Structures are given as structure tokens and as C-alpha cells.
Protein backbone atom coordinates (compact mmCIF):
# COMPACT_ATOMS: atom_id res chain seq x y z
CA MET A 1 156.53 112.06 131.95
CA ASN A 2 155.65 115.70 131.67
CA GLN A 3 155.57 116.88 128.05
CA LYS A 4 155.44 120.55 127.30
CA ILE A 5 152.49 121.41 125.03
CA THR A 6 153.74 123.48 122.06
CA GLY A 7 150.63 123.44 119.91
CA LYS A 8 152.36 121.17 117.46
CA GLU A 9 151.42 117.35 117.60
CA THR A 10 154.09 114.86 116.99
CA PRO A 11 153.75 112.71 113.67
CA MET A 12 153.01 109.58 115.69
CA LYS A 13 150.33 111.15 117.70
CA PHE A 14 148.65 112.60 114.56
CA LYS A 15 148.99 109.26 112.93
CA VAL A 16 147.25 107.43 115.85
CA THR A 17 144.48 109.97 116.05
CA THR A 18 143.62 109.86 112.42
CA THR A 19 143.55 106.01 112.49
CA ILE A 20 141.22 106.03 115.46
CA PHE A 21 138.82 108.56 113.76
CA ALA A 22 138.79 106.64 110.57
CA LEU A 23 137.88 103.37 112.40
CA VAL A 24 135.26 105.09 114.37
CA LEU A 25 133.78 106.61 111.09
CA VAL A 26 133.74 103.19 109.31
CA ALA A 27 132.20 101.45 112.20
CA GLY A 28 129.52 104.21 112.30
CA PHE A 29 128.82 103.81 108.59
CA VAL A 30 128.52 100.00 108.80
CA ALA A 31 126.29 100.33 111.78
CA LEU A 32 124.10 102.81 109.78
CA THR A 33 123.91 100.70 106.79
CA LEU A 34 122.97 97.55 108.55
CA SER A 35 120.23 99.46 110.43
CA LEU A 36 118.85 100.96 107.23
CA SER A 37 118.92 97.67 105.31
CA THR A 38 117.22 95.62 108.19
CA GLY A 39 114.71 98.43 108.67
CA ALA A 40 113.82 98.34 105.03
CA ALA A 41 113.32 94.67 105.09
CA SER A 42 111.24 94.92 108.33
CA ALA A 43 109.03 97.62 106.60
CA SER A 44 108.67 95.44 103.50
CA ALA A 45 107.66 92.40 105.37
CA ALA A 46 105.29 94.52 107.51
CA SER A 47 103.60 96.01 104.51
CA THR A 48 102.75 92.52 103.17
CA LYS A 49 99.19 91.48 104.14
CA LYS A 50 97.85 88.11 103.71
CA GLY A 51 95.52 85.68 105.32
CA ASP A 52 92.24 83.70 105.00
CA LEU A 53 89.23 85.26 103.40
CA HIS A 54 85.67 84.50 104.13
CA VAL A 55 82.91 86.46 102.49
CA THR A 56 79.08 86.08 102.04
CA LYS A 57 77.15 87.57 99.25
CA GLU A 58 73.48 87.64 98.33
CA CYS A 59 72.48 87.67 94.62
CA SER A 60 68.79 88.61 94.55
CA GLU A 61 69.66 91.10 91.94
CA TYR A 62 71.71 88.73 89.72
CA THR A 63 69.66 87.22 86.69
CA GLY A 64 72.64 86.16 84.64
CA ALA A 65 72.85 89.24 82.47
CA ALA A 66 76.00 91.09 81.86
CA GLY A 67 76.21 93.98 84.35
CA ASP A 68 74.25 92.20 86.98
CA PHE A 69 75.73 92.25 90.51
CA CYS A 70 75.78 90.56 93.87
CA THR A 71 75.99 92.44 97.23
CA ILE A 72 78.47 91.70 100.11
CA THR A 73 76.69 90.75 103.25
CA SER A 74 79.62 89.87 105.33
CA SER A 75 83.42 89.80 105.12
CA ASP A 76 86.46 89.23 107.55
CA LEU A 77 88.50 91.52 105.50
CA ALA A 78 87.90 95.27 106.12
CA ALA A 79 88.65 96.30 102.54
CA ILE A 80 85.65 94.25 101.44
CA ALA A 81 83.04 96.19 103.46
CA VAL A 82 79.42 95.10 103.72
CA GLY A 83 77.45 96.61 100.90
CA SER A 84 80.30 96.18 98.22
CA LYS A 85 79.18 94.93 94.85
CA VAL A 86 80.46 92.03 92.75
CA ILE A 87 79.74 93.05 89.09
CA TYR A 88 79.63 90.40 86.32
CA ASP A 89 80.91 91.58 82.97
CA GLN A 90 79.68 88.63 80.86
CA ALA A 91 76.22 86.92 80.81
CA ALA A 92 75.73 83.45 82.18
CA ASN A 93 75.65 80.70 79.64
CA PHE A 94 72.60 78.84 80.87
CA ALA A 95 72.49 76.51 77.82
CA ALA A 96 76.02 75.22 78.71
CA GLY A 97 75.33 75.38 82.32
CA PHE A 98 78.13 77.66 83.62
CA VAL A 99 79.24 81.25 84.41
CA ASP A 100 82.55 82.27 83.11
CA THR A 101 83.07 86.06 83.43
CA ASP A 102 85.35 88.81 84.39
CA VAL A 103 84.19 90.53 87.59
CA VAL A 104 84.82 93.82 89.45
CA LEU A 105 84.69 94.01 93.33
CA ASP A 106 83.57 97.50 93.73
CA ALA A 107 83.93 98.66 97.46
CA GLY A 108 83.17 102.33 96.51
CA ALA A 109 85.18 105.60 96.26
CA GLY A 110 87.65 104.16 93.47
CA ASN A 111 88.40 100.99 95.44
CA ARG A 112 87.94 98.13 92.95
CA ALA A 113 89.50 94.80 92.46
CA VAL A 114 89.60 92.89 89.13
CA GLY A 115 89.15 89.38 88.57
CA HIS A 116 87.58 86.34 87.11
CA CYS A 117 84.85 83.82 88.30
CA THR A 118 83.85 80.42 86.97
CA LEU A 119 80.65 78.62 88.38
CA ASP A 120 79.03 75.47 87.48
CA LEU A 121 75.37 76.24 87.51
CA GLY A 122 74.42 72.58 88.07
CA THR A 123 76.30 72.32 91.36
CA GLY A 124 76.62 75.83 92.33
CA PHE A 125 80.44 75.60 93.07
CA GLY A 126 83.04 77.65 91.43
CA LEU A 127 86.24 79.54 91.72
CA CYS A 128 87.01 83.31 91.73
CA THR A 129 90.48 84.67 91.52
CA PHE A 130 91.51 88.39 91.85
CA SER A 131 94.68 89.71 90.27
CA ASP A 132 94.93 93.43 91.07
CA GLY A 133 92.98 96.56 91.63
CA THR A 134 92.76 100.16 92.30
CA GLY A 135 92.66 102.33 95.71
CA GLN A 136 93.00 100.05 98.66
CA PHE A 137 92.86 96.99 96.30
CA THR A 138 96.16 97.96 94.61
CA GLY A 139 98.27 94.80 94.49
CA PHE A 140 95.38 92.65 95.72
CA HIS A 141 95.36 88.87 95.03
CA ALA A 142 92.88 86.41 96.08
CA ARG A 143 91.75 83.01 95.24
CA VAL A 144 88.35 81.78 96.64
CA ASP A 145 86.21 78.76 96.40
CA VAL A 146 82.49 79.48 95.81
CA SER A 147 79.79 77.49 97.32
CA PRO A 148 76.05 78.04 97.45
CA PHE A 149 73.70 78.40 100.22
CA PRO A 150 69.70 78.74 100.19
CA ASP A 151 68.00 81.92 99.28
CA SER A 152 70.62 83.24 96.83
CA VAL A 153 73.42 83.44 99.38
CA TRP A 154 77.00 82.41 98.31
CA HIS A 155 80.06 81.85 100.28
CA TRP A 156 83.68 82.63 99.29
CA ASP A 157 86.37 80.85 101.19
CA GLY A 158 90.07 81.15 100.34
CA THR A 159 93.02 83.26 100.84
CA TYR A 160 94.26 86.74 99.87
CA SER A 161 97.40 88.85 99.86
CA TYR A 162 98.69 92.40 98.97
């Protein structure tokens, strides 16, 4: 069947072409939407960091006074660098036998996590929790058990997330 091309399309041919174009456009939009939504979920999941946390700190500078600090000596989380300070806001209550204080984990350059520590001075065991921070500690959360070792060295063992 040879048709003479006149430059005018028949109404049926125009309708089929328009329908195919519309279907391709809708399919492309659906594929793009699915790609963007799964990509956003993947990016969100990839940005969540969490894991086990193991830190040691030495407290030769800590006397129990408000403002005293301990110094981080090892950490398996890069954000908590060796040399970071844990600064205690309230004084220890030696008469009652405990420390119950707000703390700041200061890694320098505006990188600080805020939290709270409670420690039984009789056993040396306690708990520290962190609820947020600034700089690289924005959104930081941690819960660590505190345990004593000789020579003013303390261990933190727990979990963290961002």
C-alpha cells in the first residue's frame, strides 16, 4: 500500500502518535519518581551512622570540682579523637558517694557533645548518655557504661548513633 504523503496526517494516525507519546511521557515520569524516592531513602539510610563505642579516658586532672576534666586516651570512633576532653559541670558529691553531672565532650574546633553522667564513687561504675552536640557531633546520641581501671583510667563501653 503506497500512500501519498501530503503533509497532512490523518486523524487516526495523529491520535495513535499522541497516545504513544503520552504513554512514554508518563512511563518516564514514573521511572524518574521511583528513582528519586529510592535514591533519597538510600541517601538517608547511608547518612545514619551507628555502632559500638569503646573509649578510655584518664582522669589525673579530675579532683571532683565543677569544671574538672578527663582526657580521652583511646577511642574507636574517629569523632572522639585522642586528646578530647570530658568536662564535668557539677562537683562530685563525696558525702553521698556519687557523681551526678552534666558533661561536655569537647573534641575542639567547635565539636562538642552534651550529655549527663552518673557514677557510684563506691564501686566506680556508672552511666553516661549523650543527646546532641555541635559540629561533627550534631545529632549525636550515645549510651555508655562506665567502669574503672587502676591509675585513674576509665572505660566507656556502649553504643552511639547519629
